[in-house]
Amino acid sequence: MHDMESIKALKQSGTLPPQKLMELRSAGMQAVRLEFITRLLRLNIQITTLSIYWEDGREFVQIPTVQDTQRKLVCATDPRVAGKFDDMTLLCYTYYPEAKTTIDTEIDRMVAAIKDFWLKKL
């Protein structure tokens, strides 16, 4: 099953085979983290990408069902910033404009907090 077809099926029924669900979740998590790092790099500040991680990421990426909970992306630098993302939104991130808009808004908030901190330090 193609990813877009899988997402359509997921949005209709709320279920997918566990392996496909874990694959989509992992892809969404990686894409969101990469987008966050890319936006931070545009600020031209030094960052350690290893300090940007999903809290409990190994555990929840393997959950074989859609969870009605939020996942936390943490930037454990100075300042420490965290963003919360719905599981379904992570699963649909690269495929549905609504999911992208929701995630982009949260990433923008996180980046703005870091930018404000660094501007005050100057």
N, C-alpha and C. Protein backbone atom coordinates (compact mmCIF):
# COMPACT_ATOMS: atom_id res chain seq x y z
N MET A 1 0.85 -1.18 0.00
CA MET A 1 0.00 0.00 0.00
C MET A 1 0.89 1.25 0.00
N HIS A 2 0.65 2.17 -0.90
CA HIS A 2 1.38 3.42 -1.00
C HIS A 2 1.08 4.28 0.23
N ASP A 3 2.03 5.13 0.63
CA ASP A 3 1.86 5.93 1.86
C ASP A 3 0.62 6.82 1.83
N MET A 4 0.36 7.46 0.71
CA MET A 4 -0.81 8.34 0.64
C MET A 4 -2.09 7.52 0.79
N GLU A 5 -2.13 6.35 0.20
CA GLU A 5 -3.29 5.47 0.36
C GLU A 5 -3.43 5.02 1.81
N SER A 6 -2.30 4.74 2.43
CA SER A 6 -2.31 4.34 3.84
C SER A 6 -2.86 5.45 4.72
N ILE A 7 -2.44 6.68 4.47
CA ILE A 7 -2.93 7.81 5.25
C ILE A 7 -4.42 8.00 5.05
N LYS A 8 -4.90 7.87 3.81
CA LYS A 8 -6.34 7.99 3.56
C LYS A 8 -7.10 6.91 4.33
N ALA A 9 -6.59 5.69 4.29
CA ALA A 9 -7.23 4.59 5.02
C ALA A 9 -7.21 4.86 6.51
N LEU A 10 -6.11 5.38 7.01
CA LEU A 10 -5.99 5.70 8.43
C LEU A 10 -6.98 6.77 8.84
N LYS A 11 -7.13 7.80 8.04
CA LYS A 11 -8.05 8.88 8.36
C LYS A 11 -9.51 8.39 8.33
N GLN A 12 -9.79 7.41 7.48
CA GLN A 12 -11.15 6.88 7.38
C GLN A 12 -11.47 5.91 8.52
N SER A 13 -10.55 4.99 8.79
CA SER A 13 -10.86 3.92 9.75
C SER A 13 -10.16 4.07 11.10
N GLY A 14 -9.09 4.86 11.13
CA GLY A 14 -8.33 5.02 12.37
C GLY A 14 -7.38 3.87 12.65
N THR A 15 -7.27 2.94 11.71
CA THR A 15 -6.36 1.81 11.91
C THR A 15 -5.56 1.52 10.64
N LEU A 16 -4.43 0.91 10.85
CA LEU A 16 -3.56 0.41 9.79
C LEU A 16 -2.82 -0.80 10.34
N PRO A 17 -2.22 -1.59 9.48
CA PRO A 17 -1.36 -2.66 10.01
C PRO A 17 -0.27 -2.05 10.88
N PRO A 18 0.05 -2.67 11.99
CA PRO A 18 1.02 -2.09 12.94
C PRO A 18 2.35 -1.67 12.31
N GLN A 19 2.89 -2.48 11.41
CA GLN A 19 4.18 -2.15 10.79
C GLN A 19 4.09 -0.87 9.97
N LYS A 20 3.00 -0.69 9.24
CA LYS A 20 2.81 0.51 8.41
C LYS A 20 2.64 1.74 9.30
N LEU A 21 1.91 1.58 10.37
CA LEU A 21 1.70 2.68 11.31
C LEU A 21 3.02 3.13 11.92
N MET A 22 3.84 2.19 12.32
CA MET A 22 5.14 2.53 12.91
C MET A 22 6.05 3.18 11.87
N GLU A 23 5.98 2.72 10.64
CA GLU A 23 6.77 3.31 9.56
C GLU A 23 6.38 4.77 9.32
N LEU A 24 5.08 5.02 9.24
CA LEU A 24 4.60 6.39 9.01
C LEU A 24 4.92 7.31 10.18
N ARG A 25 4.78 6.80 11.40
CA ARG A 25 5.09 7.60 12.59
C ARG A 25 6.57 7.97 12.60
N SER A 26 7.42 7.01 12.33
CA SER A 26 8.85 7.26 12.29
C SER A 26 9.21 8.30 11.23
N ALA A 27 8.62 8.17 10.06
CA ALA A 27 8.88 9.14 8.99
C ALA A 27 8.43 10.54 9.38
N GLY A 28 7.26 10.63 10.01
CA GLY A 28 6.76 11.93 10.45
C GLY A 28 7.65 12.55 11.52
N MET A 29 8.08 11.74 12.47
CA MET A 29 8.96 12.24 13.54
C MET A 29 10.27 12.75 12.97
N GLN A 30 10.84 12.00 12.03
CA GLN A 30 12.10 12.42 11.42
C GLN A 30 11.93 13.70 10.62
N ALA A 31 10.83 13.79 9.89
CA ALA A 31 10.58 14.98 9.08
C ALA A 31 10.39 16.22 9.95
N VAL A 32 9.67 16.08 11.06
CA VAL A 32 9.42 17.21 11.96
C VAL A 32 10.74 17.66 12.61
N ARG A 33 11.51 16.72 13.08
CA ARG A 33 12.81 17.05 13.70
C ARG A 33 13.72 17.74 12.70
N LEU A 34 13.79 17.23 11.48
CA LEU A 34 14.62 17.84 10.44
C LEU A 34 14.15 19.26 10.13
N GLU A 35 12.85 19.45 10.04
CA GLU A 35 12.32 20.80 9.76
C GLU A 35 12.69 21.76 10.88
N PHE A 36 12.59 21.31 12.11
CA PHE A 36 12.96 22.15 13.25
C PHE A 36 14.44 22.51 13.20
N ILE A 37 15.29 21.54 12.96
CA ILE A 37 16.74 21.79 12.86
C ILE A 37 17.04 22.75 11.72
N THR A 38 16.41 22.54 10.59
CA THR A 38 16.64 23.42 9.43
C THR A 38 16.29 24.87 9.75
N ARG A 39 15.18 25.07 10.43
CA ARG A 39 14.78 26.44 10.79
C ARG A 39 15.74 27.05 11.82
N LEU A 40 16.24 26.23 12.72
CA LEU A 40 17.22 26.74 13.68
C LEU A 40 18.52 27.13 12.98
N LEU A 41 18.93 26.35 12.01
CA LEU A 41 20.16 26.67 11.26
C LEU A 41 20.02 28.00 10.52
N ARG A 42 18.83 28.31 10.07
CA ARG A 42 18.59 29.59 9.38
C ARG A 42 18.78 30.79 10.32
N LEU A 43 18.69 30.55 11.62
CA LEU A 43 18.92 31.63 12.59
C LEU A 43 20.40 31.95 12.73
N ASN A 44 21.23 31.08 12.18
CA ASN A 44 22.68 31.26 12.23
C ASN A 44 23.21 31.25 13.66
N ILE A 45 22.67 30.33 14.46
CA ILE A 45 23.20 30.13 15.81
C ILE A 45 23.78 28.73 15.88
N GLN A 46 24.70 28.54 16.78
CA GLN A 46 25.28 27.21 16.94
C GLN A 46 24.33 26.32 17.72
N ILE A 47 24.10 25.14 17.17
CA ILE A 47 23.25 24.17 17.85
C ILE A 47 23.93 22.81 17.79
N THR A 48 23.60 22.01 18.75
CA THR A 48 24.04 20.62 18.76
C THR A 48 22.81 19.79 18.43
N THR A 49 22.81 19.19 17.27
CA THR A 49 21.61 18.47 16.84
C THR A 49 21.29 17.28 17.74
N LEU A 50 22.29 16.75 18.42
CA LEU A 50 22.03 15.64 19.34
C LEU A 50 21.19 16.07 20.53
N SER A 51 21.13 17.38 20.78
CA SER A 51 20.32 17.87 21.90
C SER A 51 18.85 18.05 21.50
N ILE A 52 18.52 17.70 20.26
CA ILE A 52 17.14 17.79 19.79
C ILE A 52 16.63 16.37 19.60
N TYR A 53 15.66 16.00 20.42
CA TYR A 53 15.22 14.61 20.43
C TYR A 53 13.74 14.52 20.81
N TRP A 54 13.17 13.36 20.49
CA TRP A 54 11.80 13.07 20.89
C TRP A 54 11.82 12.41 22.26
N GLU A 55 11.13 13.00 23.20
CA GLU A 55 11.04 12.41 24.54
C GLU A 55 10.33 11.05 24.43
N ASP A 56 10.95 10.03 24.98
CA ASP A 56 10.43 8.65 24.92
C ASP A 56 10.21 8.18 23.48
N GLY A 57 11.03 8.68 22.57
CA GLY A 57 10.87 8.40 21.14
C GLY A 57 10.94 6.93 20.77
N ARG A 58 11.88 6.21 21.34
CA ARG A 58 12.02 4.79 21.00
C ARG A 58 10.79 4.00 21.38
N GLU A 59 10.19 4.36 22.50
CA GLU A 59 9.02 3.62 22.97
C GLU A 59 7.79 3.89 22.11
N PHE A 60 7.51 5.17 21.86
CA PHE A 60 6.25 5.44 21.18
C PHE A 60 6.29 5.20 19.69
N VAL A 61 7.47 5.21 19.08
CA VAL A 61 7.51 4.93 17.65
C VAL A 61 7.05 3.50 17.37
N GLN A 62 7.17 2.62 18.35
CA GLN A 62 6.82 1.22 18.17
C GLN A 62 5.39 0.87 18.58
N ILE A 63 4.62 1.83 19.01
CA ILE A 63 3.24 1.57 19.42
C ILE A 63 2.41 1.25 18.16
N PRO A 64 1.75 0.10 18.13
CA PRO A 64 1.08 -0.35 16.90
C PRO A 64 -0.32 0.23 16.66
N THR A 65 -0.72 1.24 17.45
CA THR A 65 -2.03 1.87 17.25
C THR A 65 -1.86 3.39 17.30
N VAL A 66 -2.86 4.10 16.80
CA VAL A 66 -2.85 5.56 16.90
C VAL A 66 -3.19 5.92 18.34
N GLN A 67 -2.38 6.77 18.94
CA GLN A 67 -2.58 7.16 20.33
C GLN A 67 -3.25 8.52 20.41
N ASP A 68 -4.15 8.68 21.36
CA ASP A 68 -4.80 9.96 21.59
C ASP A 68 -3.97 10.73 22.62
N THR A 69 -2.76 11.10 22.20
CA THR A 69 -1.84 11.78 23.09
C THR A 69 -0.90 12.65 22.27
N GLN A 70 -0.16 13.49 22.96
CA GLN A 70 0.80 14.35 22.29
C GLN A 70 2.21 13.84 22.54
N ARG A 71 3.05 14.01 21.55
CA ARG A 71 4.46 13.63 21.63
C ARG A 71 5.28 14.90 21.79
N LYS A 72 6.37 14.80 22.53
CA LYS A 72 7.16 15.99 22.85
C LYS A 72 8.51 15.96 22.14
N LEU A 73 8.76 17.00 21.32
CA LEU A 73 10.06 17.22 20.70
C LEU A 73 10.79 18.22 21.59
N VAL A 74 11.98 17.84 22.05
CA VAL A 74 12.72 18.63 23.02
C VAL A 74 13.99 19.18 22.39
N CYS A 75 14.25 20.44 22.65
CA CYS A 75 15.53 21.06 22.32
C CYS A 75 16.17 21.36 23.67
N ALA A 76 17.11 20.52 24.06
CA ALA A 76 17.67 20.58 25.41
C ALA A 76 18.92 21.45 25.47
N THR A 77 18.83 22.60 24.83
CA THR A 77 19.94 23.56 24.89
C THR A 77 19.49 24.74 25.73
N ASP A 78 20.24 25.79 25.69
CA ASP A 78 19.87 27.00 26.40
C ASP A 78 19.26 27.96 25.40
N PRO A 79 17.98 28.24 25.42
CA PRO A 79 16.97 27.83 26.40
C PRO A 79 16.40 26.46 26.05
N ARG A 80 15.93 25.78 27.04
CA ARG A 80 15.27 24.48 26.81
C ARG A 80 13.86 24.78 26.30
N VAL A 81 13.54 24.20 25.16
CA VAL A 81 12.24 24.43 24.53
C VAL A 81 11.67 23.07 24.14
N ALA A 82 10.36 22.94 24.29
CA ALA A 82 9.71 21.70 23.88
C ALA A 82 8.43 22.04 23.11
N GLY A 83 8.14 21.20 22.15
CA GLY A 83 6.91 21.34 21.38
C GLY A 83 6.11 20.06 21.49
N LYS A 84 4.80 20.18 21.46
CA LYS A 84 3.93 19.01 21.57
C LYS A 84 3.17 18.81 20.26
N PHE A 85 3.12 17.54 19.85
CA PHE A 85 2.54 17.18 18.57
C PHE A 85 1.63 15.97 18.73
N ASP A 86 0.41 16.06 18.20
CA ASP A 86 -0.53 14.94 18.24
C ASP A 86 0.00 13.79 17.40
N ASP A 87 -0.26 12.58 17.86
CA ASP A 87 0.19 11.39 17.15
C ASP A 87 -0.36 11.36 15.72
N MET A 88 -1.64 11.61 15.54
CA MET A 88 -2.24 11.57 14.20
C MET A 88 -1.61 12.63 13.30
N THR A 89 -1.30 13.78 13.85
CA THR A 89 -0.68 14.84 13.06
C THR A 89 0.72 14.42 12.61
N LEU A 90 1.47 13.77 13.49
CA LEU A 90 2.79 13.26 13.10
C LEU A 90 2.66 12.22 11.99
N LEU A 91 1.68 11.35 12.10
CA LEU A 91 1.48 10.32 11.08
C LEU A 91 1.16 10.92 9.72
N CYS A 92 0.44 12.03 9.71
CA CYS A 92 -0.03 12.64 8.46
C CYS A 92 0.82 13.82 7.99
N TYR A 93 1.87 14.15 8.71
CA TYR A 93 2.62 15.39 8.49
C TYR A 93 2.98 15.66 7.03
N THR A 94 3.56 14.74 6.37
CA THR A 94 4.03 15.03 5.01
C THR A 94 2.95 14.84 3.95
N TYR A 95 1.74 14.47 4.35
CA TYR A 95 0.70 14.15 3.38
C TYR A 95 -0.53 15.04 3.39
N TYR A 96 -0.81 15.69 4.52
CA TYR A 96 -2.02 16.50 4.62
C TYR A 96 -1.68 17.93 5.01
N PRO A 97 -2.20 18.90 4.24
CA PRO A 97 -1.90 20.30 4.54
C PRO A 97 -2.29 20.73 5.95
N GLU A 98 -3.40 20.18 6.49
CA GLU A 98 -3.82 20.56 7.85
C GLU A 98 -2.78 20.12 8.86
N ALA A 99 -2.24 18.94 8.68
CA ALA A 99 -1.22 18.43 9.60
C ALA A 99 0.04 19.29 9.49
N LYS A 100 0.42 19.64 8.29
CA LYS A 100 1.61 20.46 8.08
C LYS A 100 1.43 21.83 8.72
N THR A 101 0.27 22.43 8.55
CA THR A 101 0.00 23.74 9.13
C THR A 101 0.09 23.70 10.66
N THR A 102 -0.50 22.69 11.26
CA THR A 102 -0.48 22.54 12.72
C THR A 102 0.95 22.38 13.22
N ILE A 103 1.72 21.53 12.57
CA ILE A 103 3.10 21.29 13.00
C ILE A 103 3.97 22.52 12.73
N ASP A 104 3.79 23.15 11.59
CA ASP A 104 4.58 24.35 11.28
C ASP A 104 4.35 25.45 12.31
N THR A 105 3.12 25.58 12.78
CA THR A 105 2.81 26.59 13.80
C THR A 105 3.57 26.30 15.09
N GLU A 106 3.61 25.05 15.50
CA GLU A 106 4.32 24.69 16.73
C GLU A 106 5.83 24.84 16.56
N ILE A 107 6.35 24.46 15.40
CA ILE A 107 7.78 24.66 15.14
C ILE A 107 8.12 26.14 15.14
N ASP A 108 7.27 26.95 14.53
CA ASP A 108 7.49 28.41 14.53
C ASP A 108 7.56 28.95 15.96
N ARG A 109 6.68 28.47 16.83
CA ARG A 109 6.67 28.91 18.22
C ARG A 109 7.98 28.54 18.91
N MET A 110 8.44 27.32 18.69
CA MET A 110 9.69 26.86 19.30
C MET A 110 10.88 27.69 18.81
N VAL A 111 10.95 27.90 17.51
CA VAL A 111 12.05 28.67 16.93
C VAL A 111 12.02 30.11 17.43
N ALA A 112 10.83 30.69 17.53
CA ALA A 112 10.71 32.07 18.02
C ALA A 112 11.21 32.19 19.45
N ALA A 113 10.92 31.20 20.29
CA ALA A 113 11.39 31.23 21.68
C ALA A 113 12.92 31.21 21.73
N ILE A 114 13.53 30.39 20.90
CA ILE A 114 14.99 30.31 20.86
C ILE A 114 15.58 31.60 20.28
N LYS A 115 14.97 32.11 19.24
CA LYS A 115 15.43 33.36 18.61
C LYS A 115 15.36 34.51 19.61
N ASP A 116 14.25 34.63 20.33
CA ASP A 116 14.10 35.69 21.32
C ASP A 116 15.17 35.60 22.40
N PHE A 117 15.45 34.39 22.85
CA PHE A 117 16.48 34.19 23.85
C PHE A 117 17.84 34.67 23.34
N TRP A 118 18.20 34.29 22.14
CA TRP A 118 19.51 34.66 21.60
C TRP A 118 19.60 36.14 21.29
N LEU A 119 18.51 36.75 20.86
CA LEU A 119 18.53 38.19 20.60
C LEU A 119 18.74 38.98 21.90
N LYS A 120 18.18 38.50 22.99
CA LYS A 120 18.35 39.17 24.28
C LYS A 120 19.79 39.05 24.78
N LYS A 121 20.47 38.00 24.35
CA LYS A 121 21.86 37.80 24.77
C LYS A 121 22.84 38.73 24.05
N LEU A 122 22.40 39.24 22.91
CA LEU A 122 23.29 40.10 22.12
C LEU A 122 23.47 41.44 22.71
